[in-house]
Amino acid sequence: MGKGGDKSVTLTAKSRKISLEELSHHRTPDDAWLSYQGKVYDVSNWEDHPGGSVIFTHAGDDCTDIFAAFHPVSALKNLQSFEIGTLDESVVPSDQSANKLKPAKQKEFEQAYRTLRAKMVSMGLFNADPLYFLYKFSSNLLLLTLSVCCVVLSEKFSVHMVGAIFMALFWQQSGWLAHDFAHHQVFKNRFYGDILALITINWFQGFSAQWWRGKHNAHHAVPNLHASVEGACDGDPDIDTMPILAWSLKMAESAQNSEWGRFMIKWQSVFYFPALLLARLSWSHQGWVFVWGGWGQHSTAAADL
């Protein structure tokens, strides 16, 4: 549990003012402060966070909107035990390290986002249709059945290739179903989503649902962003693809001192799709390492916090 979860923290300590600049200095997993609706919380080393390491993606910053996106209202009671103070926004930090924009523009942006989200909620755009997902799950099992039948009931190579196409479609559809189940987008009771995530990820696709959830939650929390400082978790793990692929000029420049890196980045337009063909093997390997350890364990560290 984070340091702020210590029940010995007094009411006097919780009432102290914490500036934006002070908040921004606590942005690594072992020293993680974050703010929510004007309160500051210390979640340092909270390895038991139910959602995994995604909690550290907003260390040193405000997490009000991302908290609302990832949590049910009932989670608020768990947050209160980590409170250490009140956010003081009267002093603007010189380096703007605690805000993506200047405070006034940041507040305007956040309010516009919250207004838009409230409209979408009122329109029912986040309400899933259980019958639709029943149809998608059943039709996906049909694809799997057709693939197996093509292999079992025929010895012709051409029929086996048709079966391979059905299997490819099955895996592709399993990926999107798993995405919605693992993100708890289908059921209000998260237990059902977790069970179906295990089925559609571990059983259907052969990699770890827990590893994928931690990695992909972080992606949605800080999409396409680089880490602010060394040791911080506020960078998107889905763009950690160097030296194979560079998604930004900053990433490409990091390959300058490596002959292999310069070669790959120069020709990445050629290697892009072949590299993606290996993604399935990479995910299976990282899922194995996440559970059992072994070579490449550093690549799963963020999901394993």
Protein backbone atom coordinates (compact mmCIF):
# COMPACT_ATOMS: atom_id res chain seq x y z
CA MET A 1 0.00 0.00 0.00
CA GLY A 2 1.16 3.54 -0.71
CA LYS A 3 2.71 5.64 2.01
CA GLY A 4 -0.42 7.76 2.09
CA GLY A 5 -2.40 4.66 3.05
CA ASP A 6 -0.67 4.69 6.43
CA LYS A 7 -3.40 5.31 9.01
CA SER A 8 -0.87 7.19 11.15
CA VAL A 9 -1.09 10.16 8.77
CA THR A 10 -2.67 12.89 10.88
CA LEU A 11 -5.47 15.30 10.00
CA THR A 12 -2.94 18.13 10.29
CA ALA A 13 -0.75 16.52 7.64
CA LYS A 14 -3.75 15.98 5.38
CA SER A 15 -4.67 19.66 5.58
CA ARG A 16 -1.31 20.97 4.40
CA LYS A 17 -1.03 22.78 1.08
CA ILE A 18 0.95 21.15 -1.73
CA SER A 19 1.98 23.23 -4.73
CA LEU A 20 1.88 22.11 -8.35
CA GLU A 21 5.66 22.17 -8.45
CA GLU A 22 6.04 20.01 -5.35
CA LEU A 23 3.50 17.58 -6.76
CA SER A 24 5.42 17.32 -10.03
CA HIS A 25 8.58 16.15 -8.25
CA HIS A 26 6.92 12.90 -7.14
CA ARG A 27 6.49 11.03 -10.42
CA THR A 28 8.15 7.62 -10.09
CA PRO A 29 6.57 4.39 -8.74
CA ASP A 30 8.57 4.49 -5.49
CA ASP A 31 7.72 8.19 -4.98
CA ALA A 32 4.29 8.71 -6.51
CA TRP A 33 1.93 11.55 -5.62
CA LEU A 34 -1.13 12.41 -7.66
CA SER A 35 -4.03 14.81 -7.35
CA TYR A 36 -7.74 14.16 -7.68
CA GLN A 37 -10.35 16.93 -7.50
CA GLY A 38 -8.05 19.24 -5.55
CA LYS A 39 -6.75 16.63 -3.08
CA VAL A 40 -3.26 15.08 -3.15
CA TYR A 41 -2.63 11.38 -2.56
CA ASP A 42 0.54 9.41 -1.94
CA VAL A 43 0.37 6.04 -3.72
CA SER A 44 4.10 5.30 -3.65
CA ASN A 45 4.92 1.61 -4.06
CA TRP A 46 1.24 0.62 -4.12
CA GLU A 47 1.93 -2.74 -5.72
CA ASP A 48 -1.48 -4.11 -4.74
CA HIS A 49 -3.42 -1.59 -6.80
CA PRO A 50 -6.21 -3.67 -8.43
CA GLY A 51 -5.64 -2.04 -11.83
CA GLY A 52 -1.89 -2.64 -11.84
CA SER A 53 0.85 -0.17 -12.67
CA VAL A 54 -1.48 2.17 -14.58
CA ILE A 55 -1.84 4.14 -11.34
CA PHE A 56 1.74 5.41 -11.77
CA THR A 57 1.11 6.88 -15.24
CA HIS A 58 -0.19 10.08 -13.63
CA ALA A 59 2.25 10.29 -10.75
CA GLY A 60 3.25 13.93 -10.27
CA ASP A 61 0.14 15.12 -12.08
CA ASP A 62 -3.65 15.34 -11.92
CA CYS A 63 -5.57 12.07 -12.37
CA THR A 64 -9.16 13.33 -12.03
CA ASP A 65 -10.30 12.44 -15.54
CA ILE A 66 -8.35 9.23 -15.98
CA PHE A 67 -9.64 8.04 -12.58
CA ALA A 68 -13.22 8.61 -13.75
CA ALA A 69 -12.50 6.73 -16.98
CA PHE A 70 -11.09 3.64 -15.28
CA HIS A 71 -13.00 3.32 -11.99
CA PRO A 72 -16.51 2.79 -10.69
CA VAL A 73 -17.76 5.35 -8.17
CA SER A 74 -17.28 2.79 -5.39
CA ALA A 75 -13.49 3.08 -5.79
CA LEU A 76 -13.50 6.55 -4.21
CA LYS A 77 -13.67 5.12 -0.69
CA ASN A 78 -10.35 3.33 -1.26
CA LEU A 79 -8.67 6.53 -2.44
CA GLN A 80 -9.42 8.50 0.73
CA SER A 81 -6.93 6.56 2.86
CA PHE A 82 -4.07 7.81 0.67
CA GLU A 83 -4.80 11.52 1.15
CA ILE A 84 -1.86 13.64 2.32
CA GLY A 85 -2.88 17.21 1.53
CA THR A 86 -4.70 19.79 -0.58
CA LEU A 87 -3.47 21.00 -3.96
CA ASP A 88 -2.44 24.66 -4.08
CA GLU A 89 -2.71 25.91 -7.66
CA SER A 90 -2.07 29.57 -6.86
CA VAL A 91 1.63 29.37 -7.77
CA VAL A 92 2.39 28.49 -11.40
CA PRO A 93 5.48 26.24 -11.70
CA SER A 94 8.21 27.79 -13.82
CA ASP A 95 8.75 24.71 -15.97
CA GLN A 96 5.04 23.79 -16.30
CA SER A 97 6.06 20.24 -15.41
CA ALA A 98 2.81 19.61 -13.56
CA ASN A 99 0.56 20.70 -16.44
CA LYS A 100 0.38 19.94 -20.14
CA LEU A 101 -0.81 23.51 -20.79
CA LYS A 102 -0.75 26.76 -18.86
CA PRO A 103 -3.13 26.41 -15.88
CA ALA A 104 -5.95 28.56 -17.31
CA LYS A 105 -5.92 26.77 -20.67
CA GLN A 106 -5.55 23.41 -18.93
CA LYS A 107 -8.66 24.06 -16.84
CA GLU A 108 -10.58 25.16 -19.92
CA PHE A 109 -9.54 22.00 -21.77
CA GLU A 110 -10.46 19.75 -18.84
CA GLN A 111 -13.88 21.35 -18.44
CA ALA A 112 -14.63 20.94 -22.15
CA TYR A 113 -13.64 17.27 -21.96
CA ARG A 114 -15.83 16.66 -18.90
CA THR A 115 -18.78 18.37 -20.55
CA LEU A 116 -18.37 16.21 -23.65
CA ARG A 117 -18.06 13.03 -21.58
CA ALA A 118 -21.18 13.89 -19.57
CA LYS A 119 -23.14 14.34 -22.82
CA MET A 120 -21.92 11.00 -24.13
CA VAL A 121 -22.90 9.29 -20.87
CA SER A 122 -26.37 10.86 -20.96
CA MET A 123 -26.80 9.69 -24.55
CA GLY A 124 -26.06 6.12 -23.49
CA LEU A 125 -23.03 5.79 -25.75
CA PHE A 126 -21.17 3.79 -23.08
CA ASN A 127 -23.99 1.28 -22.59
CA ALA A 128 -23.11 -2.08 -24.13
CA ASP A 129 -25.70 -4.30 -25.83
CA PRO A 130 -25.40 -7.82 -24.32
CA LEU A 131 -27.19 -9.39 -27.31
CA TYR A 132 -24.63 -7.90 -29.70
CA PHE A 133 -21.74 -9.36 -27.73
CA LEU A 134 -23.53 -12.71 -27.47
CA TYR A 135 -23.81 -12.69 -31.27
CA LYS A 136 -20.13 -11.72 -31.69
CA PHE A 137 -18.93 -14.37 -29.25
CA SER A 138 -21.10 -17.08 -30.84
CA SER A 139 -20.14 -16.16 -34.41
CA ASN A 140 -16.49 -16.22 -33.36
CA LEU A 141 -16.86 -19.74 -32.00
CA LEU A 142 -18.40 -20.66 -35.35
CA LEU A 143 -15.23 -19.42 -37.10
CA LEU A 144 -13.14 -21.63 -34.81
CA THR A 145 -15.39 -24.62 -35.49
CA LEU A 146 -15.16 -24.14 -39.26
CA SER A 147 -11.36 -23.92 -39.03
CA VAL A 148 -11.10 -27.14 -37.06
CA CYS A 149 -13.49 -28.92 -39.42
CA CYS A 150 -11.39 -27.93 -42.44
CA VAL A 151 -8.37 -29.63 -40.88
CA VAL A 152 -10.08 -32.68 -39.36
CA LEU A 153 -12.50 -33.56 -42.15
CA SER A 154 -10.21 -33.07 -45.14
CA GLU A 155 -6.66 -33.90 -46.18
CA LYS A 156 -6.56 -31.39 -49.05
CA PHE A 157 -4.03 -28.58 -48.77
CA SER A 158 -6.46 -26.06 -50.28
CA VAL A 159 -9.10 -26.89 -47.67
CA HIS A 160 -6.52 -26.52 -44.92
CA MET A 161 -5.68 -23.05 -46.27
CA VAL A 162 -9.36 -22.12 -46.09
CA GLY A 163 -9.28 -23.35 -42.49
CA ALA A 164 -6.26 -21.11 -41.88
CA ILE A 165 -8.28 -18.12 -43.09
CA PHE A 166 -11.10 -18.99 -40.68
CA MET A 167 -8.54 -19.33 -37.86
CA ALA A 168 -7.02 -15.94 -38.72
CA LEU A 169 -10.46 -14.32 -38.61
CA PHE A 170 -11.13 -16.08 -35.30
CA TRP A 171 -7.93 -14.69 -33.76
CA GLN A 172 -8.57 -11.22 -35.15
CA GLN A 173 -12.10 -11.10 -33.74
CA SER A 174 -10.90 -12.58 -30.43
CA GLY A 175 -8.53 -9.63 -30.11
CA TRP A 176 -11.31 -7.04 -30.28
CA LEU A 177 -13.65 -9.04 -28.05
CA ALA A 178 -10.84 -9.41 -25.51
CA HIS A 179 -10.21 -5.66 -25.67
CA ASP A 180 -13.78 -4.85 -24.61
CA PHE A 181 -14.04 -7.62 -22.01
CA ALA A 182 -10.67 -6.79 -20.38
CA HIS A 183 -11.56 -3.09 -20.24
CA HIS A 184 -14.87 -3.89 -18.48
CA GLN A 185 -16.89 -2.30 -21.26
CA VAL A 186 -19.55 -5.01 -21.49
CA PHE A 187 -20.72 -5.89 -17.97
CA LYS A 188 -21.32 -3.67 -14.96
CA ASN A 189 -20.22 -6.60 -12.81
CA ARG A 190 -16.48 -6.69 -13.55
CA PHE A 191 -16.17 -10.34 -12.52
CA TYR A 192 -17.93 -11.44 -15.72
CA GLY A 193 -15.63 -9.27 -17.82
CA ASP A 194 -12.57 -10.77 -16.11
CA ILE A 195 -13.75 -14.34 -16.79
CA LEU A 196 -14.41 -13.65 -20.47
CA ALA A 197 -11.08 -11.81 -20.73
CA LEU A 198 -9.33 -14.95 -19.49
CA ILE A 199 -11.21 -17.03 -22.08
CA THR A 200 -10.66 -14.71 -25.05
CA ILE A 201 -7.03 -13.85 -24.21
CA ASN A 202 -5.44 -16.78 -22.36
CA TRP A 203 -7.39 -19.62 -23.98
CA PHE A 204 -8.19 -18.26 -27.43
CA GLN A 205 -4.97 -16.34 -28.08
CA GLY A 206 -2.29 -17.82 -25.85
CA PHE A 207 -0.93 -14.88 -23.87
CA SER A 208 -1.48 -13.44 -20.40
CA ALA A 209 -4.63 -11.39 -19.79
CA GLN A 210 -3.10 -9.84 -16.68
CA TRP A 211 0.04 -8.77 -18.56
CA TRP A 212 -1.99 -7.36 -21.45
CA ARG A 213 -4.37 -5.47 -19.15
CA GLY A 214 -1.54 -3.73 -17.30
CA LYS A 215 0.22 -2.81 -20.52
CA HIS A 216 -2.87 -1.67 -22.38
CA ASN A 217 -4.37 0.28 -19.47
CA ALA A 218 -1.15 2.30 -19.42
CA HIS A 219 -1.50 2.85 -23.18
CA HIS A 220 -4.99 4.30 -22.78
CA ALA A 221 -3.91 6.42 -19.80
CA VAL A 222 -0.99 8.10 -21.64
CA PRO A 223 -1.50 7.33 -25.35
CA ASN A 224 1.51 7.99 -27.58
CA LEU A 225 3.40 9.96 -24.90
CA HIS A 226 7.08 9.64 -24.00
CA ALA A 227 8.08 9.33 -20.34
CA SER A 228 8.74 12.75 -18.80
CA VAL A 229 11.81 11.70 -16.82
CA GLU A 230 13.87 8.56 -16.40
CA GLY A 231 12.12 6.15 -14.05
CA ALA A 232 8.67 7.63 -14.59
CA CYS A 233 5.77 5.48 -15.86
CA ASP A 234 4.01 8.29 -17.75
CA GLY A 235 5.13 6.98 -21.13
CA ASP A 236 3.07 4.77 -23.45
CA PRO A 237 4.44 1.18 -23.39
CA ASP A 238 2.81 0.44 -26.75
CA ILE A 239 5.31 2.70 -28.52
CA ASP A 240 8.31 1.06 -26.84
CA THR A 241 9.40 -0.54 -30.10
CA MET A 242 12.93 0.72 -30.65
CA PRO A 243 15.08 -0.08 -32.51
CA ILE A 244 12.55 -1.84 -34.78
CA LEU A 245 10.02 0.98 -35.23
CA ALA A 246 10.11 4.70 -34.41
CA TRP A 247 6.80 6.49 -33.85
CA SER A 248 8.26 9.96 -33.36
CA LEU A 249 11.28 12.05 -34.30
CA LYS A 250 12.52 11.77 -30.71
CA MET A 251 12.55 7.98 -30.98
CA ALA A 252 14.25 8.05 -34.38
CA GLU A 253 16.98 10.34 -33.06
CA SER A 254 17.74 7.86 -30.28
CA ALA A 255 18.94 5.38 -32.93
CA GLN A 256 21.69 7.66 -34.24
CA ASN A 257 24.46 5.99 -32.23
CA SER A 258 23.60 2.48 -33.39
CA GLU A 259 24.38 1.17 -36.87
CA TRP A 260 21.64 -1.45 -36.50
CA GLY A 261 19.19 1.16 -35.24
CA ARG A 262 19.92 3.55 -38.11
CA PHE A 263 19.42 0.74 -40.63
CA MET A 264 16.07 -0.35 -39.16
CA ILE A 265 14.66 3.16 -38.89
CA LYS A 266 15.79 4.05 -42.40
CA TRP A 267 13.90 1.07 -43.82
CA GLN A 268 11.02 0.83 -41.33
CA SER A 269 8.48 1.54 -44.06
CA VAL A 270 9.59 -1.76 -45.62
CA PHE A 271 9.82 -3.72 -42.36
CA TYR A 272 6.61 -2.37 -40.82
CA PHE A 273 4.16 -5.13 -41.83
CA PRO A 274 6.66 -8.01 -41.52
CA ALA A 275 7.46 -6.78 -38.00
CA LEU A 276 3.78 -6.78 -37.10
CA LEU A 277 3.56 -10.42 -38.18
CA LEU A 278 5.88 -11.20 -35.26
CA ALA A 279 3.78 -9.27 -32.74
CA ARG A 280 1.75 -12.36 -31.84
CA LEU A 281 4.93 -14.28 -30.96
CA SER A 282 6.20 -11.29 -28.98
CA TRP A 283 2.99 -11.06 -26.96
CA SER A 284 3.03 -14.80 -26.22
CA HIS A 285 6.66 -14.54 -25.10
CA GLN A 286 6.01 -11.53 -22.86
CA GLY A 287 2.95 -13.23 -21.36
CA TRP A 288 5.11 -16.28 -20.57
CA VAL A 289 7.83 -14.11 -19.02
CA PHE A 290 5.26 -12.17 -16.99
CA VAL A 291 4.05 -15.40 -15.38
CA TRP A 292 7.16 -17.58 -15.29
CA GLY A 293 10.11 -15.17 -15.66
CA GLY A 294 13.12 -15.76 -17.88
CA TRP A 295 14.83 -13.86 -20.69
CA GLY A 296 13.16 -10.55 -21.44
CA GLN A 297 11.72 -10.10 -17.96
CA HIS A 298 12.65 -6.40 -18.01
CA SER A 299 10.02 -5.87 -20.73
CA THR A 300 7.20 -6.90 -18.38
CA ALA A 301 8.39 -4.98 -15.32
CA ALA A 302 5.82 -2.18 -15.62
CA ALA A 303 2.90 -4.63 -15.78
CA ASP A 304 4.29 -6.57 -12.84
CA LEU A 305 4.52 -3.70 -10.37
